[in-house]
Amino acid sequence: MEVLEKLLHSEQQKIRAIYGEAISEWRRFTDEERAPWNEEAKKLGISGVNLLLKKMVARRYPVAYERIGYAAGVYSNANN
């Protein structure tokens, strides 16, 4: 595997791990805990779980957050 491929694979693994943690956290939330996430997310045209994913990636891996376009709203349904 080339150096660049190893780097990209490493970043992908970090993001996947964060996603796994976020999904596990979301599943543990009660409906009352999900409500504020869903309300805030609705303003952005995304779901509450997607907002949680975005915030967890931003907090735990900010370089990737910028690189994959979350900061620019590329993955927001509001932009589609």
Foldseek 3Di string as FASTA:
>chain_A
DDPVVVVVVVVVVVLVVLLVVLVVVVVPDDPVRQVVLQVVLVVQQHGSSVSSSLVSCCVPPVVVSVVVCVVVVPVTPVVD
